[in-house]
Amino acid sequence: MRSRRSCGGSATGPTSPPDFQEAVEAGEVRSFMDAPSFELWLQCVFLPNARAAARSDHLPIHSQVGLMAMRQYDYHSHVPEAQGLLKLLQDFDELIEGESS
């Protein structure tokens, strides 16, 4: 069972609000809009689901997480710290969309 103090983080890593963690565990978080932040949604919802999908070989048909990240980080501006993450999430989208073609 995952610790309630963080979503996959270490004892010194980022923690999630207990109410949000409970909502994730109860399946009440449907999209990143239900999370306190996009980053917390990535950490607590997207990454665990992506790992589980890869392990079970049940990948989604479509993915727009890269587009969501671009919107989150305002694609009209340049946020240097976010560029690596944006690239990885766009690569994920391309991988998924390529698989469904």
PDB file of N, CA and C in Angstrom:
ATOM      1  N   MET A   1       0.840  -1.187   0.000  1.00  0.00           N
ATOM      2  CA  MET A   1       0.000   0.000   0.000  1.00  0.00           C
ATOM      3  C   MET A   1       0.877   1.240   0.000  1.00  0.00           C
ATOM      4  N   ARG A   2       0.527   2.215  -0.805  1.00  0.00           N
ATOM      5  CA  ARG A   2       1.299   3.445  -0.934  1.00  0.00           C
ATOM      6  C   ARG A   2       1.093   4.325   0.296  1.00  0.00           C
ATOM      7  N   SER A   3       2.140   4.967   0.737  1.00  0.00           N
ATOM      8  CA  SER A   3       2.063   5.862   1.878  1.00  0.00           C
ATOM      9  C   SER A   3       1.145   7.034   1.565  1.00  0.00           C
ATOM     10  N   ARG A   4       0.397   7.478   2.557  1.00  0.00           N
ATOM     11  CA  ARG A   4      -0.493   8.610   2.357  1.00  0.00           C
ATOM     12  C   ARG A   4       0.245   9.934   2.381  1.00  0.00           C
ATOM     13  N   ARG A   5       1.513   9.927   2.778  1.00  0.00           N
ATOM     14  CA  ARG A   5       2.199  11.209   2.864  1.00  0.00           C
ATOM     15  C   ARG A   5       2.754  11.672   1.527  1.00  0.00           C
ATOM     16  N   SER A   6       2.868  10.791   0.555  1.00  0.00           N
ATOM     17  CA  SER A   6       3.320  11.220  -0.760  1.00  0.00           C
ATOM     18  C   SER A   6       2.850  10.244  -1.819  1.00  0.00           C
ATOM     19  N   CYS A   7       2.828  10.707  -3.041  1.00  0.00           N
ATOM     20  CA  CYS A   7       2.458   9.864  -4.188  1.00  0.00           C
ATOM     21  C   CYS A   7       3.737   9.379  -4.833  1.00  0.00           C
ATOM     22  N   GLY A   8       4.327   8.360  -4.276  1.00  0.00           N
ATOM     23  CA  GLY A   8       5.537   7.811  -4.865  1.00  0.00           C
ATOM     24  C   GLY A   8       6.795   8.573  -4.524  1.00  0.00           C
ATOM     25  N   GLY A   9       6.717   9.615  -3.713  1.00  0.00           N
ATOM     26  CA  GLY A   9       7.885  10.380  -3.326  1.00  0.00           C
ATOM     27  C   GLY A   9       8.625   9.715  -2.189  1.00  0.00           C
ATOM     28  N   SER A  10       9.790  10.206  -1.888  1.00  0.00           N
ATOM     29  CA  SER A  10      10.568   9.676  -0.778  1.00  0.00           C
ATOM     30  C   SER A  10      10.192  10.434   0.488  1.00  0.00           C
ATOM     31  N   ALA A  11      10.790  10.049   1.593  1.00  0.00           N
ATOM     32  CA  ALA A  11      10.505  10.725   2.854  1.00  0.00           C
ATOM     33  C   ALA A  11      10.852  12.206   2.775  1.00  0.00           C
ATOM     34  N   THR A  12      11.815  12.547   1.922  1.00  0.00           N
ATOM     35  CA  THR A  12      12.196  13.951   1.789  1.00  0.00           C
ATOM     36  C   THR A  12      11.661  14.572   0.506  1.00  0.00           C
ATOM     37  N   GLY A  13      10.958  13.773  -0.303  1.00  0.00           N
ATOM     38  CA  GLY A  13      10.440  14.262  -1.576  1.00  0.00           C
ATOM     39  C   GLY A  13       9.121  14.980  -1.421  1.00  0.00           C
ATOM     40  N   PRO A  14       8.534  15.388  -2.544  1.00  0.00           N
ATOM     41  CA  PRO A  14       7.282  16.127  -2.514  1.00  0.00           C
ATOM     42  C   PRO A  14       6.168  15.289  -1.892  1.00  0.00           C
ATOM     43  N   THR A  15       5.306  15.958  -1.181  1.00  0.00           N
ATOM     44  CA  THR A  15       4.172  15.267  -0.587  1.00  0.00           C
ATOM     45  C   THR A  15       2.890  15.810  -1.190  1.00  0.00           C
ATOM     46  N   SER A  16       1.831  15.028  -1.087  1.00  0.00           N
ATOM     47  CA  SER A  16       0.542  15.475  -1.588  1.00  0.00           C
ATOM     48  C   SER A  16      -0.377  15.743  -0.412  1.00  0.00           C
ATOM     49  N   PRO A  17      -1.330  16.639  -0.587  1.00  0.00           N
ATOM     50  CA  PRO A  17      -2.294  16.873   0.477  1.00  0.00           C
ATOM     51  C   PRO A  17      -3.056  15.583   0.764  1.00  0.00           C
ATOM     52  N   PRO A  18      -3.266  15.249   2.033  1.00  0.00           N
ATOM     53  CA  PRO A  18      -3.945  13.993   2.371  1.00  0.00           C
ATOM     54  C   PRO A  18      -5.306  13.838   1.695  1.00  0.00           C
ATOM     55  N   ASP A  19      -6.079  14.904   1.603  1.00  0.00           N
ATOM     56  CA  ASP A  19      -7.383  14.818   0.952  1.00  0.00           C
ATOM     57  C   ASP A  19      -7.246  14.445  -0.516  1.00  0.00           C
ATOM     58  N   PHE A  20      -6.239  14.974  -1.187  1.00  0.00           N
ATOM     59  CA  PHE A  20      -6.024  14.649  -2.597  1.00  0.00           C
ATOM     60  C   PHE A  20      -5.601  13.195  -2.739  1.00  0.00           C
ATOM     61  N   GLN A  21      -4.697  12.738  -1.879  1.00  0.00           N
ATOM     62  CA  GLN A  21      -4.261  11.346  -1.931  1.00  0.00           C
ATOM     63  C   GLN A  21      -5.447  10.405  -1.732  1.00  0.00           C
ATOM     64  N   GLU A  22      -6.322  10.733  -0.807  1.00  0.00           N
ATOM     65  CA  GLU A  22      -7.518   9.914  -0.576  1.00  0.00           C
ATOM     66  C   GLU A  22      -8.413   9.911  -1.812  1.00  0.00           C
ATOM     67  N   ALA A  23      -8.557  11.069  -2.459  1.00  0.00           N
ATOM     68  CA  ALA A  23      -9.374  11.155  -3.668  1.00  0.00           C
ATOM     69  C   ALA A  23      -8.773  10.322  -4.791  1.00  0.00           C
ATOM     70  N   VAL A  24      -7.441  10.320  -4.926  1.00  0.00           N
ATOM     71  CA  VAL A  24      -6.764   9.503  -5.940  1.00  0.00           C
ATOM     72  C   VAL A  24      -7.039   8.031  -5.664  1.00  0.00           C
ATOM     73  N   GLU A  25      -6.840   7.617  -4.425  1.00  0.00           N
ATOM     74  CA  GLU A  25      -7.037   6.212  -4.055  1.00  0.00           C
ATOM     75  C   GLU A  25      -8.486   5.773  -4.235  1.00  0.00           C
ATOM     76  N   ALA A  26      -9.428   6.705  -4.068  1.00  0.00           N
ATOM     77  CA  ALA A  26     -10.850   6.387  -4.225  1.00  0.00           C
ATOM     78  C   ALA A  26     -11.298   6.456  -5.685  1.00  0.00           C
ATOM     79  N   GLY A  27     -10.392   6.853  -6.593  1.00  0.00           N
ATOM     80  CA  GLY A  27     -10.723   6.947  -8.003  1.00  0.00           C
ATOM     81  C   GLY A  27     -11.561   8.160  -8.348  1.00  0.00           C
ATOM     82  N   GLU A  28     -11.533   9.173  -7.490  1.00  0.00           N
ATOM     83  CA  GLU A  28     -12.350  10.368  -7.701  1.00  0.00           C
ATOM     84  C   GLU A  28     -11.664  11.414  -8.569  1.00  0.00           C
ATOM     85  N   VAL A  29     -10.389  11.243  -8.850  1.00  0.00           N
ATOM     86  CA  VAL A  29      -9.645  12.214  -9.656  1.00  0.00           C
ATOM     87  C   VAL A  29      -9.739  11.771 -11.108  1.00  0.00           C
ATOM     88  N   ARG A  30     -10.488  12.497 -11.897  1.00  0.00           N
ATOM     89  CA  ARG A  30     -10.733  12.121 -13.290  1.00  0.00           C
ATOM     90  C   ARG A  30      -9.773  12.797 -14.270  1.00  0.00           C
ATOM     91  N   SER A  31      -9.298  13.990 -13.925  1.00  0.00           N
ATOM     92  CA  SER A  31      -8.391  14.701 -14.822  1.00  0.00           C
ATOM     93  C   SER A  31      -7.483  15.604 -13.998  1.00  0.00           C
ATOM     94  N   PHE A  32      -6.539  16.238 -14.661  1.00  0.00           N
ATOM     95  CA  PHE A  32      -5.619  17.130 -13.966  1.00  0.00           C
ATOM     96  C   PHE A  32      -6.352  18.326 -13.378  1.00  0.00           C
ATOM     97  N   MET A  33      -7.535  18.612 -13.880  1.00  0.00           N
ATOM     98  CA  MET A  33      -8.317  19.742 -13.358  1.00  0.00           C
ATOM     99  C   MET A  33      -8.817  19.452 -11.939  1.00  0.00           C
ATOM    100  N   ASP A  34      -8.856  18.186 -11.543  1.00  0.00           N
ATOM    101  CA  ASP A  34      -9.293  17.802 -10.202  1.00  0.00           C
ATOM    102  C   ASP A  34      -8.164  17.887  -9.183  1.00  0.00           C
ATOM    103  N   ALA A  35      -6.962  18.144  -9.634  1.00  0.00           N
ATOM    104  CA  ALA A  35      -5.791  18.163  -8.757  1.00  0.00           C
ATOM    105  C   ALA A  35      -5.451  19.590  -8.328  1.00  0.00           C
ATOM    106  N   PRO A  36      -4.788  19.724  -7.173  1.00  0.00           N
ATOM    107  CA  PRO A  36      -4.353  21.053  -6.735  1.00  0.00           C
ATOM    108  C   PRO A  36      -3.353  21.701  -7.698  1.00  0.00           C
ATOM    109  N   SER A  37      -2.579  20.868  -8.414  1.00  0.00           N
ATOM    110  CA  SER A  37      -1.634  21.391  -9.400  1.00  0.00           C
ATOM    111  C   SER A  37      -1.417  20.337 -10.488  1.00  0.00           C
ATOM    112  N   PHE A  38      -1.001  20.804 -11.663  1.00  0.00           N
ATOM    113  CA  PHE A  38      -0.700  19.893 -12.769  1.00  0.00           C
ATOM    114  C   PHE A  38       0.430  18.945 -12.379  1.00  0.00           C
ATOM    115  N   GLU A  39       1.434  19.482 -11.702  1.00  0.00           N
ATOM    116  CA  GLU A  39       2.589  18.678 -11.304  1.00  0.00           C
ATOM    117  C   GLU A  39       2.182  17.562 -10.342  1.00  0.00           C
ATOM    118  N   LEU A  40       1.290  17.872  -9.423  1.00  0.00           N
ATOM    119  CA  LEU A  40       0.818  16.852  -8.480  1.00  0.00           C
ATOM    120  C   LEU A  40       0.013  15.787  -9.208  1.00  0.00           C
ATOM    121  N   TRP A  41      -0.781  16.181 -10.180  1.00  0.00           N
ATOM    122  CA  TRP A  41      -1.524  15.219 -10.985  1.00  0.00           C
ATOM    123  C   TRP A  41      -0.557  14.305 -11.752  1.00  0.00           C
ATOM    124  N   LEU A  42       0.492  14.896 -12.337  1.00  0.00           N
ATOM    125  CA  LEU A  42       1.483  14.079 -13.042  1.00  0.00           C
ATOM    126  C   LEU A  42       2.091  13.048 -12.095  1.00  0.00           C
ATOM    127  N   GLN A  43       2.478  13.491 -10.917  1.00  0.00           N
ATOM    128  CA  GLN A  43       3.164  12.632  -9.961  1.00  0.00           C
ATOM    129  C   GLN A  43       2.242  11.557  -9.392  1.00  0.00           C
ATOM    130  N   CYS A  44       1.028  11.928  -9.035  1.00  0.00           N
ATOM    131  CA  CYS A  44       0.147  11.025  -8.285  1.00  0.00           C
ATOM    132  C   CYS A  44      -0.825  10.235  -9.149  1.00  0.00           C
ATOM    133  N   VAL A  45      -1.110  10.717 -10.340  1.00  0.00           N
ATOM    134  CA  VAL A  45      -2.101  10.052 -11.178  1.00  0.00           C
ATOM    135  C   VAL A  45      -1.494   9.569 -12.494  1.00  0.00           C
ATOM    136  N   PHE A  46      -0.941  10.488 -13.279  1.00  0.00           N
ATOM    137  CA  PHE A  46      -0.444  10.131 -14.606  1.00  0.00           C
ATOM    138  C   PHE A  46       0.678   9.092 -14.558  1.00  0.00           C
ATOM    139  N   LEU A  47       1.735   9.376 -13.798  1.00  0.00           N
ATOM    140  CA  LEU A  47       2.887   8.456 -13.790  1.00  0.00           C
ATOM    141  C   LEU A  47       2.524   7.063 -13.283  1.00  0.00           C
ATOM    142  N   PRO A  48       1.814   6.927 -12.156  1.00  0.00           N
ATOM    143  CA  PRO A  48       1.435   5.569 -11.743  1.00  0.00           C
ATOM    144  C   PRO A  48       0.565   4.851 -12.781  1.00  0.00           C
ATOM    145  N   ASN A  49      -0.364   5.576 -13.403  1.00  0.00           N
ATOM    146  CA  ASN A  49      -1.217   4.953 -14.422  1.00  0.00           C
ATOM    147  C   ASN A  49      -0.414   4.578 -15.666  1.00  0.00           C
ATOM    148  N   ALA A  50       0.524   5.429 -16.072  1.00  0.00           N
ATOM    149  CA  ALA A  50       1.352   5.124 -17.244  1.00  0.00           C
ATOM    150  C   ALA A  50       2.238   3.913 -16.972  1.00  0.00           C
ATOM    151  N   ARG A  51       2.805   3.836 -15.780  1.00  0.00           N
ATOM    152  CA  ARG A  51       3.627   2.672 -15.419  1.00  0.00           C
ATOM    153  C   ARG A  51       2.795   1.392 -15.427  1.00  0.00           C
ATOM    154  N   ALA A  52       1.615   1.455 -14.826  1.00  0.00           N
ATOM    155  CA  ALA A  52       0.747   0.277 -14.774  1.00  0.00           C
ATOM    156  C   ALA A  52       0.334  -0.146 -16.180  1.00  0.00           C
ATOM    157  N   ALA A  53       0.026   0.807 -17.041  1.00  0.00           N
ATOM    158  CA  ALA A  53      -0.357   0.494 -18.418  1.00  0.00           C
ATOM    159  C   ALA A  53       0.801  -0.154 -19.169  1.00  0.00           C
ATOM    160  N   ALA A  54       2.007   0.351 -18.974  1.00  0.00           N
ATOM    161  CA  ALA A  54       3.178  -0.226 -19.650  1.00  0.00           C
ATOM    162  C   ALA A  54       3.458  -1.635 -19.145  1.00  0.00           C
ATOM    163  N   ARG A  55       3.361  -1.843 -17.836  1.00  0.00           N
ATOM    164  CA  ARG A  55       3.604  -3.175 -17.271  1.00  0.00           C
ATOM    165  C   ARG A  55       2.579  -4.193 -17.759  1.00  0.00           C
ATOM    166  N   SER A  56       1.339  -3.777 -17.888  1.00  0.00           N
ATOM    167  CA  SER A  56       0.274  -4.706 -18.297  1.00  0.00           C
ATOM    168  C   SER A  56       0.097  -4.764 -19.808  1.00  0.00           C
ATOM    169  N   ASP A  57       0.843  -3.920 -20.516  1.00  0.00           N
ATOM    170  CA  ASP A  57       0.743  -3.822 -21.972  1.00  0.00           C
ATOM    171  C   ASP A  57      -0.675  -3.442 -22.421  1.00  0.00           C
ATOM    172  N   HIS A  58      -1.319  -2.606 -21.632  1.00  0.00           N
ATOM    173  CA  HIS A  58      -2.638  -2.066 -21.971  1.00  0.00           C
ATOM    174  C   HIS A  58      -2.527  -0.546 -22.063  1.00  0.00           C
ATOM    175  N   LEU A  59      -1.904  -0.088 -23.130  1.00  0.00           N
ATOM    176  CA  LEU A  59      -1.700   1.340 -23.321  1.00  0.00           C
ATOM    177  C   LEU A  59      -2.995   2.009 -23.766  1.00  0.00           C
ATOM    178  N   PRO A  60      -3.143   3.282 -23.455  1.00  0.00           N
ATOM    179  CA  PRO A  60      -4.348   3.990 -23.900  1.00  0.00           C
ATOM    180  C   PRO A  60      -4.356   4.135 -25.422  1.00  0.00           C
ATOM    181  N   ILE A  61      -5.525   4.409 -25.961  1.00  0.00           N
ATOM    182  CA  ILE A  61      -5.662   4.597 -27.406  1.00  0.00           C
ATOM    183  C   ILE A  61      -5.150   5.971 -27.819  1.00  0.00           C
ATOM    184  N   HIS A  62      -5.401   6.971 -26.982  1.00  0.00           N
ATOM    185  CA  HIS A  62      -4.991   8.344 -27.277  1.00  0.00           C
ATOM    186  C   HIS A  62      -4.331   8.962 -26.050  1.00  0.00           C
ATOM    187  N   SER A  63      -3.498   9.960 -26.286  1.00  0.00           N
ATOM    188  CA  SER A  63      -2.874  10.710 -25.197  1.00  0.00           C
ATOM    189  C   SER A  63      -2.688  12.149 -25.630  1.00  0.00           C
ATOM    190  N   GLN A  64      -3.007  13.062 -24.726  1.00  0.00           N
ATOM    191  CA  GLN A  64      -2.794  14.479 -24.968  1.00  0.00           C
ATOM    192  C   GLN A  64      -2.100  15.141 -23.782  1.00  0.00           C
ATOM    193  N   VAL A  65      -1.331  14.345 -23.047  1.00  0.00           N
ATOM    194  CA  VAL A  65      -0.663  14.886 -21.875  1.00  0.00           C
ATOM    195  C   VAL A  65       0.370  15.952 -22.267  1.00  0.00           C
ATOM    196  N   GLY A  66       1.003  15.794 -23.403  1.00  0.00           N
ATOM    197  CA  GLY A  66       1.958  16.808 -23.877  1.00  0.00           C
ATOM    198  C   GLY A  66       1.262  18.119 -24.171  1.00  0.00           C
ATOM    199  N   LEU A  67       0.105  18.047 -24.803  1.00  0.00           N
ATOM    200  CA  LEU A  67      -0.679  19.255 -25.086  1.00  0.00           C
ATOM    201  C   LEU A  67      -1.165  19.893 -23.786  1.00  0.00           C
ATOM    202  N   MET A  68      -1.605  19.070 -22.838  1.00  0.00           N
ATOM    203  CA  MET A  68      -2.038  19.606 -21.538  1.00  0.00           C
ATOM    204  C   MET A  68      -0.885  20.328 -20.857  1.00  0.00           C
ATOM    205  N   ALA A  69       0.310  19.751 -20.934  1.00  0.00           N
ATOM    206  CA  ALA A  69       1.478  20.384 -20.318  1.00  0.00           C
ATOM    207  C   ALA A  69       1.812  21.701 -21.008  1.00  0.00           C
ATOM    208  N   MET A  70       1.734  21.714 -22.335  1.00  0.00           N
ATOM    209  CA  MET A  70       1.988  22.971 -23.061  1.00  0.00           C
ATOM    210  C   MET A  70       1.007  24.045 -22.618  1.00  0.00           C
ATOM    211  N   ARG A  71      -0.241  23.682 -22.488  1.00  0.00           N
ATOM    212  CA  ARG A  71      -1.251  24.648 -22.043  1.00  0.00           C
ATOM    213  C   ARG A  71      -0.985  25.089 -20.611  1.00  0.00           C
ATOM    214  N   GLN A  72      -0.600  24.132 -19.775  1.00  0.00           N
ATOM    215  CA  GLN A  72      -0.331  24.441 -18.375  1.00  0.00           C
ATOM    216  C   GLN A  72       0.820  25.431 -18.247  1.00  0.00           C
ATOM    217  N   TYR A  73       1.843  25.236 -19.057  1.00  0.00           N
ATOM    218  CA  TYR A  73       3.020  26.105 -19.000  1.00  0.00           C
ATOM    219  C   TYR A  73       2.946  27.222 -20.031  1.00  0.00           C
ATOM    220  N   ASP A  74       1.737  27.513 -20.525  1.00  0.00           N
ATOM    221  CA  ASP A  74       1.473  28.608 -21.442  1.00  0.00           C
ATOM    222  C   ASP A  74       2.401  28.558 -22.658  1.00  0.00           C
ATOM    223  N   TYR A  75       1.943  27.889 -23.696  1.00  0.00           N
ATOM    224  CA  TYR A  75       2.796  27.672 -24.859  1.00  0.00           C
ATOM    225  C   TYR A  75       3.111  28.947 -25.627  1.00  0.00           C
ATOM    226  N   HIS A  76       2.617  30.088 -25.156  1.00  0.00           N
ATOM    227  CA  HIS A  76       2.985  31.362 -25.788  1.00  0.00           C
ATOM    228  C   HIS A  76       4.259  31.940 -25.161  1.00  0.00           C
ATOM    229  N   SER A  77       4.680  31.374 -24.044  1.00  0.00           N
ATOM    230  CA  SER A  77       5.903  31.827 -23.395  1.00  0.00           C
ATOM    231  C   SER A  77       6.878  30.655 -23.316  1.00  0.00           C
ATOM    232  N   HIS A  78       8.080  30.937 -22.894  1.00  0.00           N
ATOM    233  CA  HIS A  78       9.117  29.903 -22.808  1.00  0.00           C
ATOM    234  C   HIS A  78       9.532  29.768 -21.346  1.00  0.00           C
ATOM    235  N   VAL A  79       9.296  28.601 -20.779  1.00  0.00           N
ATOM    236  CA  VAL A  79       9.697  28.319 -19.403  1.00  0.00           C
ATOM    237  C   VAL A  79      10.848  27.311 -19.486  1.00  0.00           C
ATOM    238  N   PRO A  80      12.084  27.790 -19.369  1.00  0.00           N
ATOM    239  CA  PRO A  80      13.234  26.898 -19.556  1.00  0.00           C
ATOM    240  C   PRO A  80      13.205  25.648 -18.682  1.00  0.00           C
ATOM    241  N   GLU A  81      12.793  25.794 -17.429  1.00  0.00           N
ATOM    242  CA  GLU A  81      12.793  24.656 -16.510  1.00  0.00           C
ATOM    243  C   GLU A  81      11.808  23.570 -16.934  1.00  0.00           C
ATOM    244  N   ALA A  82      10.808  23.923 -17.720  1.00  0.00           N
ATOM    245  CA  ALA A  82       9.775  22.958 -18.105  1.00  0.00           C
ATOM    246  C   ALA A  82      10.059  22.271 -19.439  1.00  0.00           C
ATOM    247  N   GLN A  83      11.065  22.693 -20.166  1.00  0.00           N
ATOM    248  CA  GLN A  83      11.278  22.192 -21.523  1.00  0.00           C
ATOM    249  C   GLN A  83      11.554  20.690 -21.579  1.00  0.00           C
ATOM    250  N   GLY A  84      12.347  20.169 -20.663  1.00  0.00           N
ATOM    251  CA  GLY A  84      12.618  18.731 -20.649  1.00  0.00           C
ATOM    252  C   GLY A  84      11.364  17.919 -20.389  1.00  0.00           C
ATOM    253  N   LEU A  85      10.569  18.365 -19.441  1.00  0.00           N
ATOM    254  CA  LEU A  85       9.311  17.696 -19.129  1.00  0.00           C
ATOM    255  C   LEU A  85       8.347  17.770 -20.312  1.00  0.00           C
ATOM    256  N   LEU A  86       8.239  18.937 -20.918  1.00  0.00           N
ATOM    257  CA  LEU A  86       7.359  19.089 -22.085  1.00  0.00           C
ATOM    258  C   LEU A  86       7.756  18.131 -23.199  1.00  0.00           C
ATOM    259  N   LYS A  87       9.048  18.020 -23.447  1.00  0.00           N
ATOM    260  CA  LYS A  87       9.535  17.127 -24.503  1.00  0.00           C
ATOM    261  C   LYS A  87       9.186  15.670 -24.190  1.00  0.00           C
ATOM    262  N   LEU A  88       9.404  15.242 -22.954  1.00  0.00           N
ATOM    263  CA  LEU A  88       9.094  13.859 -22.575  1.00  0.00           C
ATOM    264  C   LEU A  88       7.600  13.565 -22.706  1.00  0.00           C
ATOM    265  N   LEU A  89       6.764  14.496 -22.297  1.00  0.00           N
ATOM    266  CA  LEU A  89       5.323  14.280 -22.382  1.00  0.00           C
ATOM    267  C   LEU A  89       4.844  14.296 -23.831  1.00  0.00           C
ATOM    268  N   GLN A  90       5.447  15.143 -24.662  1.00  0.00           N
ATOM    269  CA  GLN A  90       5.112  15.132 -26.095  1.00  0.00           C
ATOM    270  C   GLN A  90       5.573  13.823 -26.732  1.00  0.00           C
ATOM    271  N   ASP A  91       6.738  13.319 -26.335  1.00  0.00           N
ATOM    272  CA  ASP A  91       7.227  12.023 -26.827  1.00  0.00           C
ATOM    273  C   ASP A  91       6.266  10.906 -26.431  1.00  0.00           C
ATOM    274  N   PHE A  92       5.746  10.983 -25.207  1.00  0.00           N
ATOM    275  CA  PHE A  92       4.769   9.987 -24.750  1.00  0.00           C
ATOM    276  C   PHE A  92       3.541  10.007 -25.662  1.00  0.00           C
ATOM    277  N   ASP A  93       3.026  11.217 -25.931  1.00  0.00           N
ATOM    278  CA  ASP A  93       1.875  11.342 -26.829  1.00  0.00           C
ATOM    279  C   ASP A  93       2.157  10.728 -28.188  1.00  0.00           C
ATOM    280  N   GLU A  94       3.326  11.018 -28.749  1.00  0.00           N
ATOM    281  CA  GLU A  94       3.691  10.485 -30.069  1.00  0.00           C
ATOM    282  C   GLU A  94       3.791   8.968 -30.041  1.00  0.00           C
ATOM    283  N   LEU A  95       4.335   8.433 -28.967  1.00  0.00           N
ATOM    284  CA  LEU A  95       4.435   6.975 -28.828  1.00  0.00           C
ATOM    285  C   LEU A  95       3.039   6.354 -28.806  1.00  0.00           C
ATOM    286  N   ILE A  96       2.154   6.906 -28.020  1.00  0.00           N
ATOM    287  CA  ILE A  96       0.798   6.360 -27.896  1.00  0.00           C
ATOM    288  C   ILE A  96       0.030   6.534 -29.201  1.00  0.00           C
ATOM    289  N   GLU A  97       0.090   7.709 -29.774  1.00  0.00           N
ATOM    290  CA  GLU A  97      -0.651   7.969 -31.012  1.00  0.00           C
ATOM    291  C   GLU A  97      -0.099   7.116 -32.152  1.00  0.00           C
ATOM    292  N   GLY A  98       1.217   6.875 -32.152  1.00  0.00           N
ATOM    293  CA  GLY A  98       1.818   6.010 -33.170  1.00  0.00           C
ATOM    294  C   GLY A  98       1.371   4.569 -33.040  1.00  0.00           C
ATOM    295  N   GLU A  99       1.190   4.120 -31.782  1.00  0.00           N
ATOM    296  CA  GLU A  99       0.736   2.751 -31.518  1.00  0.00           C
ATOM    297  C   GLU A  99      -0.701   2.545 -31.996  1.00  0.00           C
ATOM    298  N   SER A 100      -1.523   3.599 -31.916  1.00  0.00           N
ATOM    299  CA  SER A 100      -2.939   3.440 -32.268  1.00  0.00           C
ATOM    300  C   SER A 100      -3.199   3.603 -33.760  1.00  0.00           C
ATOM    301  N   SER A 101      -2.174   4.003 -34.509  1.00  0.00           N
ATOM    302  CA  SER A 101      -2.357   4.191 -35.964  1.00  0.00           C
ATOM    303  C   SER A 101      -2.382   2.878 -36.690  1.00  0.00           C
TER     304      SER A 101
END
